[in-house]
C-alpha atoms as a PDB file:
ATOM      1  CA  MET A   1      -0.212  -0.220  -0.205  1.00  0.00           C
ATOM      2  CA  GLU A   2       1.201   3.471  -1.259  1.00  0.00           C
ATOM      3  CA  LYS A   3       1.281   6.161   1.483  1.00  0.00           C
ATOM      4  CA  ILE A   4       2.439   9.786   1.316  1.00  0.00           C
ATOM      5  CA  PHE A   5       3.875  11.689   4.417  1.00  0.00           C
ATOM      6  CA  GLU A   6       4.963  15.154   4.816  1.00  0.00           C
ATOM      7  CA  LEU A   7       8.514  14.845   6.107  1.00  0.00           C
ATOM      8  CA  ASP A   8       9.799  17.627   8.942  1.00  0.00           C
ATOM      9  CA  LEU A   9      13.417  17.514   9.449  1.00  0.00           C
ATOM     10  CA  SER A  10      13.675  20.258  11.478  1.00  0.00           C
ATOM     11  CA  ASP A  11      15.456  17.408  13.391  1.00  0.00           C
ATOM     12  CA  LYS A  12      16.980  14.836  11.398  1.00  0.00           C
ATOM     13  CA  ARG A  13      17.567  12.266  14.631  1.00  0.00           C
ATOM     14  CA  LYS A  14      14.039  12.703  15.268  1.00  0.00           C
ATOM     15  CA  PRO A  15      12.377  13.197  12.118  1.00  0.00           C
ATOM     16  CA  LYS A  16       8.202  14.480  11.962  1.00  0.00           C
ATOM     17  CA  PHE A  17       6.179  12.511   9.296  1.00  0.00           C
ATOM     18  CA  GLU A  18       2.688  13.791   8.661  1.00  0.00           C
ATOM     19  CA  LEU A  19       0.309  11.520   6.782  1.00  0.00           C
ATOM     20  CA  TYR A  20      -1.625  12.605   3.842  1.00  0.00           C
ATOM     21  CA  ARG A  21      -5.196  10.373   4.020  1.00  0.00           C
ATOM     22  CA  GLU A  22      -5.951   9.463   0.494  1.00  0.00           C
ATOM     23  CA  ILE A  23      -9.973  10.791  -0.472  1.00  0.00           C
ATOM     24  CA  SER A  24     -12.139  10.165  -2.887  1.00  0.00           C
ATOM     25  CA  PRO A  25     -13.271  13.213  -4.816  1.00  0.00           C
ATOM     26  CA  SER A  26     -17.177  12.651  -4.062  1.00  0.00           C
ATOM     27  CA  ASP A  27     -15.905  13.344  -0.449  1.00  0.00           C
ATOM     28  CA  TYR A  28     -15.521  16.966  -1.459  1.00  0.00           C
ATOM     29  CA  ASP A  29     -18.427  17.414  -3.735  1.00  0.00           C
ATOM     30  CA  ILE A  30     -15.340  16.993  -6.681  1.00  0.00           C
ATOM     31  CA  TYR A  31     -17.394  15.925 -10.030  1.00  0.00           C
ATOM     32  CA  GLU A  32     -16.000  14.160 -13.085  1.00  0.00           C
ATOM     33  CA  LYS A  33     -16.607  17.610 -14.607  1.00  0.00           C
ATOM     34  CA  ASP A  34     -14.341  19.278 -11.978  1.00  0.00           C
ATOM     35  CA  ILE A  35     -11.653  16.727 -12.709  1.00  0.00           C
ATOM     36  CA  GLU A  36     -12.059  17.561 -16.534  1.00  0.00           C
ATOM     37  CA  ASN A  37     -11.877  20.923 -16.966  1.00  0.00           C
ATOM     38  CA  TRP A  38      -8.651  20.908 -14.191  1.00  0.00           C
ATOM     39  CA  PHE A  39      -6.867  18.407 -16.685  1.00  0.00           C
ATOM     40  CA  ALA A  40      -8.290  20.195 -20.102  1.00  0.00           C
ATOM     41  CA  GLU A  41      -7.339  24.013 -18.964  1.00  0.00           C
ATOM     42  CA  ASN A  42      -3.958  22.968 -17.117  1.00  0.00           C
ATOM     43  CA  LEU A  43      -2.225  20.410 -19.802  1.00  0.00           C
ATOM     44  CA  ASN A  44       1.028  20.794 -17.904  1.00  0.00           C
ATOM     45  CA  VAL A  45      -0.840  18.660 -14.927  1.00  0.00           C
ATOM     46  CA  LEU A  46      -1.742  15.587 -17.106  1.00  0.00           C
ATOM     47  CA  PHE A  47       0.278  15.718 -19.804  1.00  0.00           C
ATOM     48  CA  THR A  48       4.491  15.113 -19.650  1.00  0.00           C
ATOM     49  CA  ASP A  49       4.498  17.825 -22.487  1.00  0.00           C
ATOM     50  CA  ALA A  50       2.020  20.107 -22.491  1.00  0.00           C
ATOM     51  CA  ASP A  51       3.104  21.995 -25.257  1.00  0.00           C
ATOM     52  CA  SER A  52       2.858  18.580 -27.370  1.00  0.00           C
ATOM     53  CA  VAL A  53      -0.944  18.593 -27.092  1.00  0.00           C
ATOM     54  CA  PHE A  54      -3.832  20.590 -28.751  1.00  0.00           C
ATOM     55  CA  ILE A  55      -7.283  20.250 -27.353  1.00  0.00           C
ATOM     56  CA  LEU A  56     -10.111  19.883 -29.873  1.00  0.00           C
ATOM     57  CA  SER A  57     -12.921  19.492 -27.438  1.00  0.00           C
ATOM     58  CA  GLN A  58     -14.507  18.589 -24.011  1.00  0.00           C
ATOM     59  CA  GLU A  59     -17.742  16.681 -23.607  1.00  0.00           C
ATOM     60  CA  SER A  60     -20.943  18.686 -23.322  1.00  0.00           C
ATOM     61  CA  LYS A  61     -23.320  17.964 -20.686  1.00  0.00           C
ATOM     62  CA  GLY A  62     -26.045  15.224 -21.527  1.00  0.00           C
ATOM     63  CA  GLU A  63     -24.092  13.983 -24.770  1.00  0.00           C
ATOM     64  CA  LYS A  64     -22.545  10.461 -25.305  1.00  0.00           C
ATOM     65  CA  GLN A  65     -19.102  11.264 -25.814  1.00  0.00           C
ATOM     66  CA  ALA A  66     -15.307  10.704 -24.561  1.00  0.00           C
ATOM     67  CA  ASP A  67     -14.504  13.867 -21.842  1.00  0.00           C
ATOM     68  CA  ILE A  68     -11.823  15.329 -23.536  1.00  0.00           C
ATOM     69  CA  LEU A  69     -10.864  14.904 -27.543  1.00  0.00           C
ATOM     70  CA  GLY A  70      -7.278  16.217 -28.374  1.00  0.00           C
ATOM     71  CA  ILE A  71      -4.813  16.063 -31.080  1.00  0.00           C
ATOM     72  CA  ASP A  72      -1.013  15.154 -30.954  1.00  0.00           C
ATOM     73  CA  SER A  73       1.564  16.793 -32.671  1.00  0.00           C
ATOM     74  CA  GLN A  74       1.327  14.382 -35.721  1.00  0.00           C
ATOM     75  CA  GLY A  75      -2.095  14.811 -36.324  1.00  0.00           C
ATOM     76  CA  ASN A  76      -3.192  11.564 -34.011  1.00  0.00           C
ATOM     77  CA  LEU A  77      -6.260  11.847 -32.245  1.00  0.00           C
ATOM     78  CA  ILE A  78      -6.341  11.752 -28.355  1.00  0.00           C
ATOM     79  CA  ILE A  79      -9.142  10.595 -26.749  1.00  0.00           C
ATOM     80  CA  ILE A  80      -9.518  10.809 -22.773  1.00  0.00           C
ATOM     81  CA  GLU A  81     -12.136   8.967 -20.735  1.00  0.00           C
ATOM     82  CA  LEU A  82     -12.203  10.197 -17.298  1.00  0.00           C
ATOM     83  CA  LYS A  83     -13.691   8.529 -14.004  1.00  0.00           C
ATOM     84  CA  ARG A  84     -13.847   9.985 -10.402  1.00  0.00           C
ATOM     85  CA  GLY A  85     -13.990   6.532  -9.105  1.00  0.00           C
ATOM     86  CA  LEU A  86     -13.117   3.452 -10.063  1.00  0.00           C
ATOM     87  CA  ALA A  87     -12.967   2.544 -13.894  1.00  0.00           C
ATOM     88  CA  ASP A  88     -13.788  -1.050 -14.393  1.00  0.00           C
ATOM     89  CA  ARG A  89     -14.525  -3.202 -17.227  1.00  0.00           C
ATOM     90  CA  THR A  90     -17.363  -1.193 -18.792  1.00  0.00           C
ATOM     91  CA  THR A  91     -15.267   1.916 -19.111  1.00  0.00           C
ATOM     92  CA  VAL A  92     -12.980  -0.035 -21.593  1.00  0.00           C
ATOM     93  CA  GLY A  93     -15.705  -0.573 -23.501  1.00  0.00           C
ATOM     94  CA  GLN A  94     -16.744   2.916 -23.010  1.00  0.00           C
ATOM     95  CA  VAL A  95     -13.564   4.240 -24.328  1.00  0.00           C
ATOM     96  CA  LEU A  96     -13.710   1.790 -27.562  1.00  0.00           C
ATOM     97  CA  ASP A  97     -17.081   2.634 -28.616  1.00  0.00           C
ATOM     98  CA  TYR A  98     -16.247   6.239 -28.529  1.00  0.00           C
ATOM     99  CA  ALA A  99     -13.055   5.522 -30.620  1.00  0.00           C
ATOM    100  CA  SER A 100     -15.031   3.349 -33.434  1.00  0.00           C
ATOM    101  CA  THR A 101     -17.438   6.176 -33.471  1.00  0.00           C
ATOM    102  CA  LEU A 102     -15.082   9.097 -33.822  1.00  0.00           C
ATOM    103  CA  ALA A 103     -13.218   6.454 -36.430  1.00  0.00           C
ATOM    104  CA  ALA A 104     -16.186   7.088 -38.816  1.00  0.00           C
ATOM    105  CA  TRP A 105     -15.810  10.775 -38.623  1.00  0.00           C
ATOM    106  CA  GLU A 106     -14.683  13.205 -41.706  1.00  0.00           C
ATOM    107  CA  TYR A 107     -12.791  16.256 -40.870  1.00  0.00           C
ATOM    108  CA  GLU A 108     -16.012  18.277 -41.402  1.00  0.00           C
ATOM    109  CA  ASN A 109     -17.491  16.264 -38.113  1.00  0.00           C
ATOM    110  CA  PHE A 110     -14.354  17.524 -36.298  1.00  0.00           C
ATOM    111  CA  ASN A 111     -14.604  20.834 -37.354  1.00  0.00           C
ATOM    112  CA  ALA A 112     -18.159  21.556 -36.101  1.00  0.00           C
ATOM    113  CA  ARG A 113     -16.960  19.785 -32.730  1.00  0.00           C
ATOM    114  CA  TYR A 114     -14.013  22.363 -32.098  1.00  0.00           C
ATOM    115  CA  LYS A 115     -15.787  25.556 -33.305  1.00  0.00           C
ATOM    116  CA  SER A 116     -18.745  24.153 -31.045  1.00  0.00           C
ATOM    117  CA  TYR A 117     -16.148  23.799 -27.846  1.00  0.00           C
ATOM    118  CA  LYS A 118     -14.466  27.487 -28.763  1.00  0.00           C
ATOM    119  CA  ASN A 119     -17.648  29.115 -30.077  1.00  0.00           C
ATOM    120  CA  ASN A 120     -15.741  31.917 -31.802  1.00  0.00           C
ATOM    121  CA  GLY A 121     -16.081  30.303 -35.594  1.00  0.00           C
ATOM    122  CA  THR A 122     -12.196  29.426 -36.303  1.00  0.00           C
ATOM    123  CA  GLU A 123     -11.559  26.770 -38.155  1.00  0.00           C
ATOM    124  CA  LEU A 124      -9.665  23.432 -36.660  1.00  0.00           C
ATOM    125  CA  ILE A 125      -7.147  23.027 -39.560  1.00  0.00           C
ATOM    126  CA  ASP A 126      -6.481  26.479 -39.601  1.00  0.00           C
ATOM    127  CA  GLU A 127      -5.967  26.538 -35.875  1.00  0.00           C
ATOM    128  CA  TYR A 128      -4.031  23.353 -35.910  1.00  0.00           C
ATOM    129  CA  ARG A 129      -2.055  24.278 -38.702  1.00  0.00           C
ATOM    130  CA  LYS A 130      -0.302  27.239 -36.669  1.00  0.00           C
ATOM    131  CA  PHE A 131       0.373  24.663 -33.500  1.00  0.00           C
ATOM    132  CA  VAL A 132       1.849  22.636 -35.605  1.00  0.00           C
ATOM    133  CA  ASP A 133       4.300  25.073 -37.810  1.00  0.00           C
ATOM    134  CA  SER A 134       3.171  23.869 -41.055  1.00  0.00           C
ATOM    135  CA  GLN A 135       0.683  25.714 -43.450  1.00  0.00           C
ATOM    136  CA  ASP A 136      -0.064  22.750 -45.755  1.00  0.00           C
ATOM    137  CA  PHE A 137      -1.044  19.895 -43.044  1.00  0.00           C
ATOM    138  CA  SER A 138      -3.844  18.175 -45.048  1.00  0.00           C
ATOM    139  CA  LYS A 139      -7.159  18.242 -42.917  1.00  0.00           C
ATOM    140  CA  ASP A 140      -7.531  14.638 -44.882  1.00  0.00           C
ATOM    141  CA  GLU A 141      -4.976  13.549 -42.604  1.00  0.00           C
ATOM    142  CA  LEU A 142      -5.964  14.970 -39.193  1.00  0.00           C
ATOM    143  CA  CYS A 143      -7.671  12.621 -36.501  1.00  0.00           C
ATOM    144  CA  LYS A 144      -7.071   9.475 -38.786  1.00  0.00           C
ATOM    145  CA  LYS A 145      -5.490   7.393 -36.281  1.00  0.00           C
ATOM    146  CA  GLN A 146      -6.264   7.235 -32.436  1.00  0.00           C
ATOM    147  CA  ARG A 147      -4.547   6.565 -29.143  1.00  0.00           C
ATOM    148  CA  LEU A 148      -6.617   6.425 -26.110  1.00  0.00           C
ATOM    149  CA  PHE A 149      -6.619   6.886 -22.467  1.00  0.00           C
ATOM    150  CA  ILE A 150      -8.444   6.218 -19.275  1.00  0.00           C
ATOM    151  CA  VAL A 151      -7.792   8.335 -16.045  1.00  0.00           C
ATOM    152  CA  ALA A 152      -9.236   7.793 -12.661  1.00  0.00           C
ATOM    153  CA  PRO A 153      -8.446   6.915  -9.345  1.00  0.00           C
ATOM    154  CA  HIS A 154      -8.973   3.558  -9.096  1.00  0.00           C
ATOM    155  CA  PHE A 155      -9.115   1.043 -11.911  1.00  0.00           C
ATOM    156  CA  GLU A 156     -10.548  -2.527 -11.594  1.00  0.00           C
ATOM    157  CA  GLU A 157      -7.810  -5.839 -11.491  1.00  0.00           C
ATOM    158  CA  GLU A 158      -8.811  -6.954 -14.626  1.00  0.00           C
ATOM    159  CA  ILE A 159      -8.307  -3.299 -16.456  1.00  0.00           C
ATOM    160  CA  SER A 160      -4.103  -3.693 -16.644  1.00  0.00           C
ATOM    161  CA  ARG A 161      -4.669  -7.673 -18.530  1.00  0.00           C
ATOM    162  CA  ILE A 162      -7.170  -5.772 -20.841  1.00  0.00           C
ATOM    163  CA  VAL A 163      -5.049  -2.839 -21.794  1.00  0.00           C
ATOM    164  CA  HIS A 164      -1.902  -4.754 -22.024  1.00  0.00           C
ATOM    165  CA  TRP A 165      -3.864  -7.738 -24.139  1.00  0.00           C
ATOM    166  CA  LEU A 166      -4.823  -4.713 -26.383  1.00  0.00           C
ATOM    167  CA  SER A 167      -1.653  -2.800 -26.770  1.00  0.00           C
ATOM    168  CA  SER A 168      -0.075  -6.263 -27.947  1.00  0.00           C
ATOM    169  CA  TYR A 169      -2.462  -5.750 -31.277  1.00  0.00           C
ATOM    170  CA  ASP A 170      -0.984  -2.354 -31.566  1.00  0.00           C
ATOM    171  CA  LEU A 171      -3.914  -0.377 -30.335  1.00  0.00           C
ATOM    172  CA  PRO A 172      -2.680   2.656 -28.188  1.00  0.00           C
ATOM    173  CA  ILE A 173      -4.415   2.399 -25.145  1.00  0.00           C
ATOM    174  CA  ASP A 174      -3.053   3.304 -21.737  1.00  0.00           C
ATOM    175  CA  VAL A 175      -3.996   3.807 -18.183  1.00  0.00           C
ATOM    176  CA  ALA A 176      -3.337   7.242 -16.432  1.00  0.00           C
ATOM    177  CA  PRO A 177      -3.949   7.053 -12.314  1.00  0.00           C
ATOM    178  CA  PHE A 178      -4.485  10.048 -10.308  1.00  0.00           C
ATOM    179  CA  THR A 179      -5.037  10.528  -6.743  1.00  0.00           C
ATOM    180  CA  LEU A 180      -6.462  12.714  -4.345  1.00  0.00           C
ATOM    181  CA  TYR A 181      -4.860  13.350  -0.611  1.00  0.00           C
ATOM    182  CA  LEU A 182      -5.266  15.444   2.410  1.00  0.00           C
ATOM    183  CA  LYS A 183      -3.618  16.763   5.135  1.00  0.00           C
ATOM    184  CA  GLY A 184      -5.361  18.945   7.708  1.00  0.00           C
ATOM    185  CA  ASP A 185      -6.939  21.812   5.160  1.00  0.00           C
ATOM    186  CA  GLU A 186      -4.300  21.111   2.936  1.00  0.00           C
ATOM    187  CA  LEU A 187      -5.277  18.932  -0.740  1.00  0.00           C
ATOM    188  CA  LEU A 188      -2.781  17.379  -2.879  1.00  0.00           C
ATOM    189  CA  LEU A 189      -3.095  15.974  -6.506  1.00  0.00           C
ATOM    190  CA  LYS A 190      -1.029  12.650  -7.626  1.00  0.00           C
ATOM    191  CA  VAL A 191      -0.901  12.140 -11.258  1.00  0.00           C
ATOM    192  CA  ASN A 192       0.604   9.679 -13.158  1.00  0.00           C
ATOM    193  CA  GLN A 193       1.448  11.912 -16.692  1.00  0.00           C
ATOM    194  CA  ILE A 194       0.258  10.781 -19.868  1.00  0.00           C
ATOM    195  CA  ASN A 195       3.145  10.828 -22.576  1.00  0.00           C
ATOM    196  CA  VAL A 196       2.263  11.710 -25.884  1.00  0.00           C
ATOM    197  CA  GLU A 197       5.971  11.181 -27.434  1.00  0.00           C
ATOM    198  CA  PRO A 198       5.072   9.642 -31.134  1.00  0.00           C
ATOM    199  CA  LEU A 199       3.898   6.250 -31.905  1.00  0.00           C
ATOM    200  CA  SER A 200       6.091   4.217 -34.215  1.00  0.00           C
ATOM    201  CA  PHE A 201       2.750   2.883 -35.998  1.00  0.00           C
ATOM    202  CA  GLY A 202       5.225  -0.387 -37.513  1.00  0.00           C
ATOM    203  CA  CYS A 203       7.960   2.574 -38.421  1.00  0.00           C
ATOM    204  CA  LYS A 204      12.055   1.732 -37.158  1.00  0.00           C
ATOM    205  CA  TRP A 205      13.446   3.419 -35.249  1.00  0.00           C
ATOM    206  CA  GLY A 206      17.197   4.297 -36.202  1.00  0.00           C
ATOM    207  CA  GLY A 207      18.391   6.150 -32.955  1.00  0.00           C
ATOM    208  CA  ASP A 208      17.460   9.776 -34.195  1.00  0.00           C
ATOM    209  CA  TRP A 209      15.816  12.417 -31.846  1.00  0.00           C
ATOM    210  CA  PHE A 210      13.467  15.485 -32.744  1.00  0.00           C
ATOM    211  CA  PHE A 211      14.663  18.348 -30.462  1.00  0.00           C
ATOM    212  CA  ASN A 212      12.647  21.378 -30.480  1.00  0.00           C
ATOM    213  CA  THR A 213      14.915  24.616 -29.356  1.00  0.00           C
ATOM    214  CA  ASN A 214      12.432  26.453 -27.434  1.00  0.00           C
ATOM    215  CA  GLU A 215      11.456  29.582 -29.873  1.00  0.00           C
ATOM    216  CA  THR A 216       7.986  29.730 -27.856  1.00  0.00           C
ATOM    217  CA  TYR A 217       9.318  31.031 -24.739  1.00  0.00           C
ATOM    218  CA  SER A 218      12.933  31.687 -25.510  1.00  0.00           C
ATOM    219  CA  ARG A 219      13.558  33.374 -28.542  1.00  0.00           C
ATOM    220  CA  GLY A 220      16.810  33.338 -30.061  1.00  0.00           C
ATOM    221  CA  ALA A 221      17.890  30.300 -27.621  1.00  0.00           C
ATOM    222  CA  TYR A 222      19.004  28.583 -30.402  1.00  0.00           C
ATOM    223  CA  LYS A 223      21.791  30.797 -31.443  1.00  0.00           C
ATOM    224  CA  ASN A 224      23.601  29.716 -28.005  1.00  0.00           C
ATOM    225  CA  MET A 225      22.853  25.819 -28.265  1.00  0.00           C
ATOM    226  CA  LEU A 226      24.787  26.335 -31.447  1.00  0.00           C
ATOM    227  CA  GLU A 227      27.527  28.405 -30.467  1.00  0.00           C
ATOM    228  CA  HIS A 228      27.939  25.744 -26.657  1.00  0.00           C
ATOM    229  CA  SER A 229      27.140  22.547 -29.066  1.00  0.00           C
ATOM    230  CA  CYS A 230      24.305  21.894 -26.732  1.00  0.00           C
ATOM    231  CA  ILE A 231      20.806  21.243 -26.394  1.00  0.00           C
ATOM    232  CA  ALA A 232      18.971  22.692 -23.413  1.00  0.00           C
ATOM    233  CA  ILE A 233      15.861  22.764 -21.298  1.00  0.00           C
ATOM    234  CA  TYR A 234      14.372  23.958 -18.077  1.00  0.00           C
ATOM    235  CA  GLY A 235      10.980  24.224 -16.352  1.00  0.00           C
ATOM    236  CA  TYR A 236      10.155  20.107 -16.153  1.00  0.00           C
ATOM    237  CA  SER A 237      10.660  18.565 -13.034  1.00  0.00           C
ATOM    238  CA  ASN A 238      12.938  15.884 -14.482  1.00  0.00           C
ATOM    239  CA  PRO A 239      15.076  17.572 -16.536  1.00  0.00           C
ATOM    240  CA  GLU A 240      18.632  15.097 -15.706  1.00  0.00           C
ATOM    241  CA  GLU A 241      16.103  11.995 -16.867  1.00  0.00           C
ATOM    242  CA  MET A 242      14.804  13.589 -20.216  1.00  0.00           C
ATOM    243  CA  LEU A 243      18.375  14.319 -21.522  1.00  0.00           C
ATOM    244  CA  SER A 244      19.758  10.629 -20.637  1.00  0.00           C
ATOM    245  CA  ALA A 245      17.204   8.863 -22.721  1.00  0.00           C
ATOM    246  CA  PRO A 246      19.323   9.314 -25.837  1.00  0.00           C
ATOM    247  CA  ASN A 247      22.250   7.256 -26.075  1.00  0.00           C
ATOM    248  CA  ASP A 248      25.730   8.324 -26.871  1.00  0.00           C
ATOM    249  CA  GLY A 249      26.375   9.105 -30.962  1.00  0.00           C
ATOM    250  CA  ASP A 250      22.644   8.947 -31.257  1.00  0.00           C
ATOM    251  CA  ARG A 251      21.824  11.988 -34.004  1.00  0.00           C
ATOM    252  CA  VAL A 252      19.753  14.567 -32.709  1.00  0.00           C
ATOM    253  CA  PHE A 253      17.742  17.209 -35.289  1.00  0.00           C
ATOM    254  CA  PHE A 254      17.446  20.578 -33.658  1.00  0.00           C
ATOM    255  CA  TYR A 255      14.297  22.730 -34.748  1.00  0.00           C
ATOM    256  CA  ARG A 256      13.479  25.818 -34.722  1.00  0.00           C
ATOM    257  CA  ASN A 257       9.857  27.230 -34.660  1.00  0.00           C
ATOM    258  CA  GLY A 258       9.105  29.107 -38.046  1.00  0.00           C
ATOM    259  CA  VAL A 259      11.946  27.906 -40.120  1.00  0.00           C
ATOM    260  CA  GLY A 260      12.305  23.696 -39.263  1.00  0.00           C
ATOM    261  CA  ILE A 261      15.383  21.473 -38.782  1.00  0.00           C
ATOM    262  CA  ILE A 262      18.882  24.064 -38.764  1.00  0.00           C
ATOM    263  CA  ALA A 263      21.438  21.760 -37.449  1.00  0.00           C
ATOM    264  CA  ILE A 264      22.124  18.046 -36.727  1.00  0.00           C
ATOM    265  CA  GLY A 265      24.513  16.368 -34.559  1.00  0.00           C
ATOM    266  CA  GLU A 266      25.432  13.474 -32.254  1.00  0.00           C
ATOM    267  CA  PHE A 267      24.998  13.411 -28.510  1.00  0.00           C
ATOM    268  CA  GLU A 268      27.666  13.194 -26.055  1.00  0.00           C
ATOM    269  CA  SER A 269      27.117  11.947 -22.644  1.00  0.00           C
ATOM    270  CA  THR A 270      27.986  15.523 -20.990  1.00  0.00           C
ATOM    271  CA  ILE A 271      25.065  16.231 -18.843  1.00  0.00           C
ATOM    272  CA  GLU A 272      24.738  19.416 -16.452  1.00  0.00           C
ATOM    273  CA  SER A 273      23.189  22.158 -14.989  1.00  0.00           C
ATOM    274  CA  SER A 274      23.450  25.382 -16.526  1.00  0.00           C
ATOM    275  CA  ASN A 275      22.722  29.012 -16.700  1.00  0.00           C
ATOM    276  CA  SER A 276      24.223  29.617 -20.018  1.00  0.00           C
ATOM    277  CA  ILE A 277      21.498  29.142 -22.543  1.00  0.00           C
ATOM    278  CA  PHE A 278      18.080  30.219 -20.987  1.00  0.00           C
ATOM    279  CA  GLY A 279      19.443  31.804 -17.954  1.00  0.00           C
ATOM    280  CA  LYS A 280      16.899  29.874 -16.523  1.00  0.00           C
ATOM    281  CA  LYS A 281      19.244  28.064 -13.602  1.00  0.00           C
ATOM    282  CA  ASP A 282      16.684  28.700 -10.819  1.00  0.00           C
ATOM    283  CA  GLU A 283      14.082  26.899 -13.107  1.00  0.00           C
ATOM    284  CA  GLY A 284      15.857  23.506 -13.605  1.00  0.00           C
ATOM    285  CA  GLU A 285      18.059  24.916 -16.525  1.00  0.00           C
ATOM    286  CA  TYR A 286      20.065  21.322 -17.841  1.00  0.00           C
ATOM    287  CA  ILE A 287      22.179  21.223 -21.323  1.00  0.00           C
ATOM    288  CA  ARG A 288      23.557  17.704 -23.060  1.00  0.00           C
ATOM    289  CA  LYS A 289      26.896  18.093 -25.196  1.00  0.00           C
ATOM    290  CA  VAL A 290      26.407  17.598 -29.060  1.00  0.00           C
ATOM    291  CA  LYS A 291      29.050  16.799 -31.175  1.00  0.00           C
ATOM    292  CA  ASN A 292      29.706  16.901 -34.663  1.00  0.00           C
ATOM    293  CA  ILE A 293      26.983  19.774 -35.726  1.00  0.00           C
ATOM    294  CA  VAL A 294      26.113  20.162 -39.136  1.00  0.00           C
ATOM    295  CA  GLU A 295      23.789  23.518 -39.555  1.00  0.00           C
ATOM    296  CA  VAL A 296      21.426  23.565 -42.213  1.00  0.00           C
ATOM    297  CA  PRO A 297      21.536  27.441 -43.011  1.00  0.00           C
ATOM    298  CA  ASN A 298      18.215  28.082 -44.713  1.00  0.00           C
ATOM    299  CA  GLY A 299      16.532  25.161 -42.121  1.00  0.00           C
ATOM    300  CA  ILE A 300      14.245  21.999 -43.680  1.00  0.00           C
ATOM    301  CA  SER A 301      11.088  23.013 -42.916  1.00  0.00           C
ATOM    302  CA  ALA A 302       8.051  20.220 -41.700  1.00  0.00           C
ATOM    303  CA  SER A 303       6.423  20.922 -44.769  1.00  0.00           C
ATOM    304  CA  GLU A 304       9.423  19.354 -46.636  1.00  0.00           C
ATOM    305  CA  VAL A 305      10.186  16.421 -44.160  1.00  0.00           C
ATOM    306  CA  ARG A 306       6.213  15.657 -44.491  1.00  0.00           C
ATOM    307  CA  GLY A 307       7.214  15.606 -48.525  1.00  0.00           C
ATOM    308  CA  LEU A 308       9.265  12.676 -47.588  1.00  0.00           C
ATOM    309  CA  GLY A 309       7.058  10.520 -45.917  1.00  0.00           C
ATOM    310  CA  TYR A 310       6.663  11.972 -41.777  1.00  0.00           C
ATOM    311  CA  ASN A 311       5.196  14.301 -39.509  1.00  0.00           C
ATOM    312  CA  LEU A 312       7.864  15.872 -37.561  1.00  0.00           C
ATOM    313  CA  PRO A 313       6.683  15.989 -33.822  1.00  0.00           C
ATOM    314  CA  VAL A 314       7.302  20.065 -33.874  1.00  0.00           C
ATOM    315  CA  ARG A 315       5.888  20.738 -30.580  1.00  0.00           C
ATOM    316  CA  SER A 316       7.506  17.689 -28.729  1.00  0.00           C
ATOM    317  CA  THR A 317      10.491  18.997 -26.913  1.00  0.00           C
ATOM    318  CA  LEU A 318      12.504  16.021 -26.781  1.00  0.00           C
ATOM    319  CA  CYS A 319      11.766  12.712 -28.421  1.00  0.00           C
ATOM    320  CA  LYS A 320      12.397  10.030 -31.353  1.00  0.00           C
ATOM    321  CA  ILE A 321      12.262  10.254 -34.711  1.00  0.00           C
ATOM    322  CA  TYR A 322      10.517   6.702 -35.991  1.00  0.00           C
ATOM    323  CA  ASN A 323      11.586   6.410 -39.668  1.00  0.00           C
ATOM    324  CA  ASP A 324      14.993   5.771 -40.033  1.00  0.00           C
ATOM    325  CA  LYS A 325      14.696   6.131 -43.588  1.00  0.00           C
ATOM    326  CA  VAL A 326      13.158   9.996 -43.856  1.00  0.00           C
ATOM    327  CA  ALA A 327      16.085  10.712 -41.255  1.00  0.00           C
ATOM    328  CA  ASP A 328      18.746  10.096 -43.643  1.00  0.00           C
ATOM    329  CA  LEU A 329      16.828  11.597 -46.536  1.00  0.00           C
ATOM    330  CA  ILE A 330      17.047  14.612 -44.173  1.00  0.00           C
ATOM    331  CA  VAL A 331      20.788  14.546 -43.542  1.00  0.00           C
ATOM    332  CA  ARG A 332      21.935  14.177 -47.218  1.00  0.00           C
ATOM    333  CA  ARG A 333      19.598  17.001 -47.595  1.00  0.00           C
ATOM    334  CA  ALA A 334      21.711  19.118 -45.036  1.00  0.00           C
ATOM    335  CA  LYS A 335      24.649  17.853 -46.306  1.00  0.00           C
ATOM    336  CA  ALA A 336      24.045  18.909 -50.046  1.00  0.00           C
END
């Protein structure tokens, strides 16, 4: 049984432990819609990389539809079913029912859904093209593949077996537990976050990584990275873990928003705290060194890469490129 304590180390020989007691949302009149709003409006709570998720809609009162619909940075539909209590086998049936219904939708169905959600007349494809930094992303490619998630505080024992079995048939389905705790008048929310890094869909990974240089929040940081031969991140709870995922010698493709792939290099082993790229050491800035960097003066845009046969996950911070042949073509083009 997992328990959470607040630890007071004012006297390390006799520390004080105060228990956070697990509570049910119903104990505090917290409804599924409340939790749904928390997650949809605060993407950094539910997702490991909030910038890589585009929210399409939320469930409307009285309708039979998934609680949250989103789109990842490659155009795949994200279907989230949320429970404030126990998720059982019927929940799996629910999310599969939603998935089969949505699989028959055309672009105009999703567009109408988005317009209703936003209530401002904006076109889904126009907003999504801005999101993925590509003005020629085809609306016919949008939401054609799906990834499914069940979010709940508790799961029936059989759920993990069912989810594992479905995943073995390449159905992208997973669970994301969350828990509410109480200590005195203080509430604590624990979330097993959803990772929406790109899916392989049967393509081969050849040791290649995509990296977004963070032009959205820190314009010009890419210059510092190239000058210091590194990639850099800040604001994450696990920066060293993130940067240690690539192996030494793996290739990394630097992406600059609005331009495209601007450089390609190979990872070195050095990972360290830094203040030289963003000036954000107090917010957990870390770098990983990169060698043999080849710069691409005019950049290779996301649209150009799509023409080679791959949708770059441009909103992800650091993730795998699941197409070794396209990665090789990008390198050849960069060196041409």
